[in-house]
């Protein structure tokens, strides 16, 4: 039986679909969060998860296999130096799909596809501020002793 073997062609030619998928995966790794339609997100997620699994082990073979799919050298380097090591302890499920609603023009389901450990810029700034405050309060205590 051939259940769940196929894929969604997204009403595109093979070349168009492949180029679009590569671009979206590259954007996902560059920005760690993209907004797209639900159908595209579910297809892109498959490729992104496989590439992240490869990036957990930084070898020449894995880099070359990923480079077949990701053309941007900076993004490829980010995948193997930042994203892969961050996901080292996870066994899978590196991405999440968050529903936003419906697009105005054609009522398509719009979603956010993001990496699981993605933090908003405001969250990252808050964490940096908290760590600076802790460092400032710890320094006077150490000076007093």
C-alpha atoms as a PDB file:
ATOM      1  CA  UNK A   1       0.000   0.000   0.000  1.00  0.00           C
ATOM      2  CA  UNK A   2       1.236   3.455  -0.852  1.00  0.00           C
ATOM      3  CA  UNK A   3      -0.390   5.409   1.949  1.00  0.00           C
ATOM      4  CA  UNK A   4       1.271   8.702   2.965  1.00  0.00           C
ATOM      5  CA  UNK A   5       4.097   8.291   0.431  1.00  0.00           C
ATOM      6  CA  UNK A   6       3.275  11.217  -1.845  1.00  0.00           C
ATOM      7  CA  UNK A   7       3.611  14.954  -1.556  1.00  0.00           C
ATOM      8  CA  UNK A   8       1.589  18.061  -2.336  1.00  0.00           C
ATOM      9  CA  UNK A   9       2.546  19.422  -5.779  1.00  0.00           C
ATOM     10  CA  UNK A  10       1.076  22.836  -4.814  1.00  0.00           C
ATOM     11  CA  UNK A  11      -0.248  23.329  -8.389  1.00  0.00           C
ATOM     12  CA  UNK A  12       3.259  24.100  -9.664  1.00  0.00           C
ATOM     13  CA  UNK A  13       5.711  22.586 -12.086  1.00  0.00           C
ATOM     14  CA  UNK A  14       8.543  20.525 -10.651  1.00  0.00           C
ATOM     15  CA  UNK A  15      11.164  23.215 -11.265  1.00  0.00           C
ATOM     16  CA  UNK A  16       9.011  25.971  -9.754  1.00  0.00           C
ATOM     17  CA  UNK A  17       8.114  23.871  -6.716  1.00  0.00           C
ATOM     18  CA  UNK A  18      11.742  22.879  -6.115  1.00  0.00           C
ATOM     19  CA  UNK A  19      13.015  26.461  -6.425  1.00  0.00           C
ATOM     20  CA  UNK A  20      10.265  27.785  -4.150  1.00  0.00           C
ATOM     21  CA  UNK A  21      10.959  25.122  -1.522  1.00  0.00           C
ATOM     22  CA  UNK A  22      14.685  25.825  -1.548  1.00  0.00           C
ATOM     23  CA  UNK A  23      14.092  29.566  -1.201  1.00  0.00           C
ATOM     24  CA  UNK A  24      11.627  29.116   1.639  1.00  0.00           C
ATOM     25  CA  UNK A  25      13.915  26.736   3.552  1.00  0.00           C
ATOM     26  CA  UNK A  26      16.800  29.185   3.115  1.00  0.00           C
ATOM     27  CA  UNK A  27      14.600  32.024   4.402  1.00  0.00           C
ATOM     28  CA  UNK A  28      13.476  29.906   7.341  1.00  0.00           C
ATOM     29  CA  UNK A  29      17.073  29.278   8.389  1.00  0.00           C
ATOM     30  CA  UNK A  30      18.087  32.915   7.785  1.00  0.00           C
ATOM     31  CA  UNK A  31      15.249  34.544   9.727  1.00  0.00           C
ATOM     32  CA  UNK A  32      14.183  31.510  11.841  1.00  0.00           C
ATOM     33  CA  UNK A  33      10.549  32.488  11.216  1.00  0.00           C
ATOM     34  CA  UNK A  34       8.520  32.952   8.018  1.00  0.00           C
ATOM     35  CA  UNK A  35       4.874  33.663   7.193  1.00  0.00           C
ATOM     36  CA  UNK A  36       3.316  31.589   4.419  1.00  0.00           C
ATOM     37  CA  UNK A  37       0.287  29.498   3.551  1.00  0.00           C
ATOM     38  CA  UNK A  38      -0.466  26.302   5.437  1.00  0.00           C
ATOM     39  CA  UNK A  39       0.061  23.999   2.450  1.00  0.00           C
ATOM     40  CA  UNK A  40       3.474  25.479   1.650  1.00  0.00           C
ATOM     41  CA  UNK A  41       4.528  25.416   5.302  1.00  0.00           C
ATOM     42  CA  UNK A  42       3.719  21.734   5.674  1.00  0.00           C
ATOM     43  CA  UNK A  43       5.794  20.893   2.577  1.00  0.00           C
ATOM     44  CA  UNK A  44       8.737  23.138   3.512  1.00  0.00           C
ATOM     45  CA  UNK A  45       8.775  21.714   7.023  1.00  0.00           C
ATOM     46  CA  UNK A  46       9.670  18.235   5.710  1.00  0.00           C
ATOM     47  CA  UNK A  47      12.834  19.482   4.017  1.00  0.00           C
ATOM     48  CA  UNK A  48      13.814  21.788   6.883  1.00  0.00           C
ATOM     49  CA  UNK A  49      13.559  19.015   9.478  1.00  0.00           C
ATOM     50  CA  UNK A  50      15.770  16.701   7.413  1.00  0.00           C
ATOM     51  CA  UNK A  51      18.397  19.409   6.950  1.00  0.00           C
ATOM     52  CA  UNK A  52      18.446  20.244  10.656  1.00  0.00           C
ATOM     53  CA  UNK A  53      18.914  16.561  11.471  1.00  0.00           C
ATOM     54  CA  UNK A  54      21.912  16.516   9.104  1.00  0.00           C
ATOM     55  CA  UNK A  55      23.339  19.685  10.638  1.00  0.00           C
ATOM     56  CA  UNK A  56      23.536  18.122  14.095  1.00  0.00           C
ATOM     57  CA  UNK A  57      26.698  16.301  12.955  1.00  0.00           C
ATOM     58  CA  UNK A  58      29.107  18.718  11.267  1.00  0.00           C
ATOM     59  CA  UNK A  59      30.924  16.567   8.710  1.00  0.00           C
ATOM     60  CA  UNK A  60      32.075  17.254   5.157  1.00  0.00           C
ATOM     61  CA  UNK A  61      29.510  14.791   3.796  1.00  0.00           C
ATOM     62  CA  UNK A  62      26.609  16.398   5.667  1.00  0.00           C
ATOM     63  CA  UNK A  63      27.696  19.887   4.607  1.00  0.00           C
ATOM     64  CA  UNK A  64      27.859  18.851   0.960  1.00  0.00           C
ATOM     65  CA  UNK A  65      24.470  17.156   1.091  1.00  0.00           C
ATOM     66  CA  UNK A  66      22.948  20.289   2.666  1.00  0.00           C
ATOM     67  CA  UNK A  67      24.762  22.524   0.150  1.00  0.00           C
ATOM     68  CA  UNK A  68      22.924  20.726  -2.646  1.00  0.00           C
ATOM     69  CA  UNK A  69      19.737  22.211  -1.242  1.00  0.00           C
ATOM     70  CA  UNK A  70      20.884  25.515   0.318  1.00  0.00           C
ATOM     71  CA  UNK A  71      22.768  27.759  -2.110  1.00  0.00           C
ATOM     72  CA  UNK A  72      23.584  30.609   0.300  1.00  0.00           C
ATOM     73  CA  UNK A  73      26.914  29.950   1.996  1.00  0.00           C
ATOM     74  CA  UNK A  74      26.201  32.196   5.005  1.00  0.00           C
ATOM     75  CA  UNK A  75      22.920  30.423   5.712  1.00  0.00           C
ATOM     76  CA  UNK A  76      24.597  27.037   5.307  1.00  0.00           C
ATOM     77  CA  UNK A  77      27.272  28.069   7.794  1.00  0.00           C
ATOM     78  CA  UNK A  78      24.599  29.331  10.224  1.00  0.00           C
ATOM     79  CA  UNK A  79      22.766  26.008   9.920  1.00  0.00           C
ATOM     80  CA  UNK A  80      25.850  24.014  10.949  1.00  0.00           C
ATOM     81  CA  UNK A  81      27.328  26.426  13.529  1.00  0.00           C
ATOM     82  CA  UNK A  82      24.212  27.789  15.278  1.00  0.00           C
ATOM     83  CA  UNK A  83      21.006  25.910  14.476  1.00  0.00           C
ATOM     84  CA  UNK A  84      22.382  22.345  14.469  1.00  0.00           C
ATOM     85  CA  UNK A  85      24.150  22.596  17.849  1.00  0.00           C
ATOM     86  CA  UNK A  86      21.068  24.269  19.400  1.00  0.00           C
ATOM     87  CA  UNK A  87      18.946  21.284  18.369  1.00  0.00           C
ATOM     88  CA  UNK A  88      21.513  18.674  19.440  1.00  0.00           C
ATOM     89  CA  UNK A  89      19.434  17.288  22.316  1.00  0.00           C
ATOM     90  CA  UNK A  90      16.124  17.206  20.382  1.00  0.00           C
ATOM     91  CA  UNK A  91      15.162  13.997  18.602  1.00  0.00           C
ATOM     92  CA  UNK A  92      12.898  15.731  16.081  1.00  0.00           C
ATOM     93  CA  UNK A  93      10.161  18.309  15.791  1.00  0.00           C
ATOM     94  CA  UNK A  94      12.452  21.261  15.158  1.00  0.00           C
ATOM     95  CA  UNK A  95       9.749  23.459  13.615  1.00  0.00           C
ATOM     96  CA  UNK A  96       6.264  24.583  14.579  1.00  0.00           C
ATOM     97  CA  UNK A  97       3.311  25.894  12.594  1.00  0.00           C
ATOM     98  CA  UNK A  98       1.215  28.637  14.205  1.00  0.00           C
ATOM     99  CA  UNK A  99      -2.087  29.583  12.574  1.00  0.00           C
ATOM    100  CA  UNK A 100      -2.675  33.272  11.862  1.00  0.00           C
ATOM    101  CA  UNK A 101      -6.026  33.256  10.092  1.00  0.00           C
ATOM    102  CA  UNK A 102      -7.136  33.741   6.512  1.00  0.00           C
ATOM    103  CA  UNK A 103      -5.603  35.880   3.777  1.00  0.00           C
ATOM    104  CA  UNK A 104      -7.760  38.787   2.618  1.00  0.00           C
ATOM    105  CA  UNK A 105      -7.664  38.145  -1.135  1.00  0.00           C
ATOM    106  CA  UNK A 106      -8.257  34.415  -1.497  1.00  0.00           C
ATOM    107  CA  UNK A 107      -9.054  33.253   2.045  1.00  0.00           C
ATOM    108  CA  UNK A 108      -6.022  30.947   2.127  1.00  0.00           C
ATOM    109  CA  UNK A 109      -4.903  29.682   5.550  1.00  0.00           C
ATOM    110  CA  UNK A 110      -1.933  31.807   6.620  1.00  0.00           C
ATOM    111  CA  UNK A 111       0.523  30.400   9.162  1.00  0.00           C
ATOM    112  CA  UNK A 112       3.861  31.166  10.748  1.00  0.00           C
ATOM    113  CA  UNK A 113       6.527  28.509  10.274  1.00  0.00           C
ATOM    114  CA  UNK A 114       9.267  28.918  12.868  1.00  0.00           C
ATOM    115  CA  UNK A 115      11.999  27.019  14.612  1.00  0.00           C
ATOM    116  CA  UNK A 116      10.893  25.670  17.985  1.00  0.00           C
ATOM    117  CA  UNK A 117      13.500  27.596  19.973  1.00  0.00           C
ATOM    118  CA  UNK A 118      12.783  30.914  18.204  1.00  0.00           C
ATOM    119  CA  UNK A 119      12.623  33.916  20.517  1.00  0.00           C
ATOM    120  CA  UNK A 120      11.109  37.265  19.593  1.00  0.00           C
ATOM    121  CA  UNK A 121      13.526  40.207  19.571  1.00  0.00           C
ATOM    122  CA  UNK A 122      11.762  41.748  22.579  1.00  0.00           C
ATOM    123  CA  UNK A 123      12.203  38.487  24.521  1.00  0.00           C
ATOM    124  CA  UNK A 124      15.898  38.386  23.658  1.00  0.00           C
ATOM    125  CA  UNK A 125      16.331  42.026  24.735  1.00  0.00           C
ATOM    126  CA  UNK A 126      14.556  41.308  28.034  1.00  0.00           C
ATOM    127  CA  UNK A 127      16.862  38.363  28.723  1.00  0.00           C
ATOM    128  CA  UNK A 128      19.955  40.468  27.970  1.00  0.00           C
ATOM    129  CA  UNK A 129      18.692  43.216  30.275  1.00  0.00           C
ATOM    130  CA  UNK A 130      18.030  40.708  33.072  1.00  0.00           C
ATOM    131  CA  UNK A 131      21.496  39.196  32.713  1.00  0.00           C
ATOM    132  CA  UNK A 132      23.064  42.696  32.835  1.00  0.00           C
ATOM    133  CA  UNK A 133      21.063  43.522  35.975  1.00  0.00           C
ATOM    134  CA  UNK A 134      22.220  40.295  37.617  1.00  0.00           C
ATOM    135  CA  UNK A 135      25.814  41.080  36.709  1.00  0.00           C
ATOM    136  CA  UNK A 136      25.525  44.602  38.147  1.00  0.00           C
ATOM    137  CA  UNK A 137      24.024  43.370  41.421  1.00  0.00           C
ATOM    138  CA  UNK A 138      26.542  40.540  41.722  1.00  0.00           C
ATOM    139  CA  UNK A 139      29.555  42.833  41.212  1.00  0.00           C
ATOM    140  CA  UNK A 140      28.914  45.138  44.246  1.00  0.00           C
ATOM    141  CA  UNK A 141      28.279  42.142  46.498  1.00  0.00           C
ATOM    142  CA  UNK A 142      31.595  40.634  45.469  1.00  0.00           C
ATOM    143  CA  UNK A 143      33.339  43.991  46.085  1.00  0.00           C
ATOM    144  CA  UNK A 144      31.849  44.303  49.582  1.00  0.00           C
ATOM    145  CA  UNK A 145      33.147  40.873  50.670  1.00  0.00           C
END
